[in-house]
Protein backbone atom coordinates (compact mmCIF):
# COMPACT_ATOMS: atom_id res chain seq x y z
CA MET A 1 44.49 147.06 109.77
CA LYS A 2 46.02 150.55 109.01
CA LEU A 3 45.27 150.30 105.42
CA PRO A 4 41.53 150.89 105.69
CA PHE A 5 41.93 153.88 107.88
CA PHE A 6 44.47 155.37 105.47
CA SER A 7 42.47 154.75 102.41
CA ILE A 8 39.34 156.42 104.20
CA LEU A 9 41.49 159.40 105.17
CA LEU A 10 42.98 159.78 101.72
CA SER A 11 39.65 159.72 100.00
CA CYS A 12 38.19 162.36 102.29
CA ILE A 13 41.15 164.56 101.75
CA ALA A 14 40.80 163.98 97.94
CA VAL A 15 37.10 164.69 97.97
CA LEU A 16 37.40 167.84 100.08
CA ALA A 17 40.32 169.13 97.89
CA PHE A 18 38.22 168.48 94.74
CA ALA A 19 35.33 170.49 96.43
CA GLN A 20 37.69 173.45 96.99
CA TYR A 21 38.81 173.22 93.26
CA LEU A 22 35.11 173.24 92.06
CA GLN A 23 34.47 176.00 94.41
CA HIS A 24 37.31 178.35 93.97
CA VAL A 25 38.60 177.83 90.53
CA GLN A 26 35.31 176.65 88.65
CA GLY A 27 33.27 179.06 90.73
CA LEU A 28 30.59 176.68 91.94
CA LEU A 29 29.03 177.87 95.27
CA PRO A 30 28.05 175.10 97.67
CA CYS A 31 24.43 174.84 98.84
CA PRO A 32 23.47 173.69 102.27
CA LEU A 33 23.34 170.01 101.33
CA CYS A 34 26.86 170.28 99.75
CA VAL A 35 28.05 171.83 103.16
CA ALA A 36 26.43 168.96 105.11
CA GLN A 37 28.32 166.43 102.95
CA ARG A 38 31.50 168.31 103.33
CA LEU A 39 31.04 168.13 107.00
CA ALA A 40 30.38 164.39 106.82
CA PHE A 41 33.50 163.79 104.74
CA GLY A 42 35.62 166.00 107.14
CA LEU A 43 34.36 164.18 110.21
CA LEU A 44 34.75 160.74 108.59
CA GLY A 45 38.38 161.79 107.47
CA LEU A 46 39.09 162.92 111.08
CA ILE A 47 38.04 159.82 112.62
CA ALA A 48 40.11 157.87 110.14
CA LEU A 49 43.07 159.91 111.09
CA ILE A 50 42.60 159.27 114.70
CA GLY A 51 42.07 155.57 113.95
CA LEU A 52 45.36 155.38 111.88
CA ILE A 53 47.48 157.09 114.53
CA HIS A 54 45.90 155.04 117.28
CA ALA A 55 45.99 151.74 115.43
CA PRO A 56 43.48 150.03 117.73
CA LYS A 57 42.96 146.37 118.13
CA ASN A 58 39.67 144.39 118.04
CA ILE A 59 37.21 146.54 120.30
CA GLY A 60 38.77 149.81 119.42
CA ARG A 61 38.79 149.04 115.74
CA ARG A 62 35.09 148.10 115.92
CA ILE A 63 34.37 151.28 117.65
CA TYR A 64 36.06 153.32 115.03
CA GLY A 65 34.35 151.19 112.51
CA PHE A 66 30.92 151.90 113.97
CA VAL A 67 31.53 155.75 113.99
CA MET A 68 32.74 155.75 110.55
CA VAL A 69 29.82 153.60 109.30
CA THR A 70 27.40 156.03 110.95
CA LEU A 71 29.15 159.13 109.37
CA ALA A 72 29.08 157.34 106.06
CA LEU A 73 25.29 156.55 106.42
CA LEU A 74 24.49 160.16 107.30
CA GLY A 75 26.49 161.44 104.35
CA THR A 76 24.84 158.89 102.06
CA ILE A 77 21.39 159.97 103.06
CA VAL A 78 22.20 163.66 102.54
CA ALA A 79 23.88 162.90 99.16
CA ALA A 80 20.85 160.68 98.03
CA ARG A 81 18.51 163.61 99.02
CA HIS A 82 20.71 165.95 97.06
CA ALA A 83 20.71 163.71 94.06
CA TRP A 84 17.04 163.27 94.22
CA LEU A 85 16.36 167.15 94.47
CA ILE A 86 18.39 167.58 91.39
CA ARG A 87 16.27 165.26 89.52
CA TYR A 88 12.99 166.72 90.97
CA PRO A 89 13.85 170.40 91.69
CA GLU A 90 9.99 171.33 91.93
CA SER A 91 9.63 169.40 95.16
CA PHE A 92 11.99 171.34 97.09
CA GLU A 93 12.76 175.22 97.43
CA CYS A 94 16.40 175.71 98.06
CA GLY A 95 17.87 179.09 98.74
CA ILE A 96 17.64 181.02 102.06
CA SER A 97 16.36 178.07 104.09
CA PRO A 98 16.44 177.24 107.70
CA GLU A 99 19.08 174.56 106.85
CA GLU A 100 21.27 177.30 105.29
CA ALA A 101 20.83 179.76 108.25
CA PHE A 102 21.72 176.91 110.56
CA LEU A 103 24.90 175.82 108.77
CA ASN A 104 26.18 179.23 108.22
CA ALA A 105 25.64 179.91 112.00
CA LEU A 106 28.01 176.92 113.04
CA PRO A 107 31.53 177.91 113.98
CA PHE A 108 32.78 175.78 111.04
CA ALA A 109 31.42 178.52 108.75
CA ALA A 110 33.16 181.29 110.61
CA TRP A 111 36.34 179.39 110.87
CA TRP A 112 36.66 178.39 107.46
CA PRO A 113 34.05 180.02 105.13
CA GLY A 114 35.65 178.93 101.87
CA MET A 115 34.76 175.38 102.95
CA PHE A 116 31.78 175.46 104.87
CA GLU A 117 29.65 178.46 104.04
CA ALA A 118 26.54 177.72 102.17
CA ASN A 119 25.65 180.14 99.31
CA GLY A 120 24.45 177.96 96.40
CA ASP A 121 21.34 176.50 94.95
CA CYS A 122 20.88 172.77 95.73
CA ALA A 123 19.00 172.21 92.39
CA ASN A 124 21.54 173.79 90.16
CA VAL A 125 23.60 171.43 87.92
CA GLU A 126 26.72 173.12 86.53
CA TRP A 127 28.94 170.18 86.54
CA ARG A 128 28.87 166.76 85.37
CA PHE A 129 31.23 163.90 84.79
CA LEU A 130 30.35 160.62 83.06
CA ALA A 131 26.78 161.87 83.19
CA LEU A 132 26.78 161.94 86.95
CA THR A 133 26.39 164.97 89.20
CA ILE A 134 28.44 166.09 92.14
CA PRO A 135 25.75 164.61 94.52
CA ASP A 136 25.82 161.30 92.61
CA TRP A 137 29.62 161.09 92.82
CA SER A 138 29.38 161.99 96.59
CA LEU A 139 26.82 159.25 97.07
CA LEU A 140 29.02 156.61 95.46
CA THR A 141 31.91 157.81 97.49
CA PHE A 142 29.98 157.65 100.83
CA VAL A 143 28.81 154.06 99.86
CA SER A 144 32.32 152.97 99.22
CA LEU A 145 33.76 154.54 102.26
CA GLY A 146 30.84 152.98 104.23
CA ALA A 147 31.74 149.55 102.86
CA ILE A 148 35.30 150.00 104.01
CA SER A 149 34.07 151.20 107.38
CA ILE A 150 31.70 147.99 107.56
CA TYR A 151 34.93 145.95 106.89
CA LEU A 152 36.54 147.72 109.99
CA LEU A 153 33.61 147.12 112.00
CA LEU A 154 33.18 143.27 111.18
CA ALA A 155 36.70 142.11 110.28
CA ARG A 156 38.39 139.60 112.65
CA ASN A 157 41.96 139.87 113.54
CA ASN A 158 43.70 136.76 112.05
CA ARG A 159 47.19 137.33 113.43
CA THR A 160 48.63 134.70 115.46
CA ARG A 161 49.59 136.05 118.88
CA PRO A 162 52.55 134.79 120.73
CA PHE A 163 51.82 133.43 124.26
């Protein structure tokens, strides 16, 4: 049962590394919703790392699965909201908002401002791949990681146990 934890961890590392590439090489500034998604990916990856090291059995695996499903769901909600705002920018004013002030006041922003400091505009679309925006890809990734987490939550241990 280590493979699901490892794949979630590897996916989160890849997503966060790509976010750093887009920010520092391509010059895209993260908005408050981007930072919230980064936090969700980071926490999801951290729980997967702990689960990978711990290698829990039945109830432990389900606890990790539940926490990861919850984080994936929260990330999905934020990414869906962000994707919606890109399509309907007139419905939301993004800039110096209470969300941005709150996120920039968190210890994460002070510890690692290059990853967690929000400075961008939520409705700005400067990057697309296969006609999908960054929040669209983030949404798909959260849904996929949530599906793997649901597997961890619901899977039965089919190994035969010695007496």
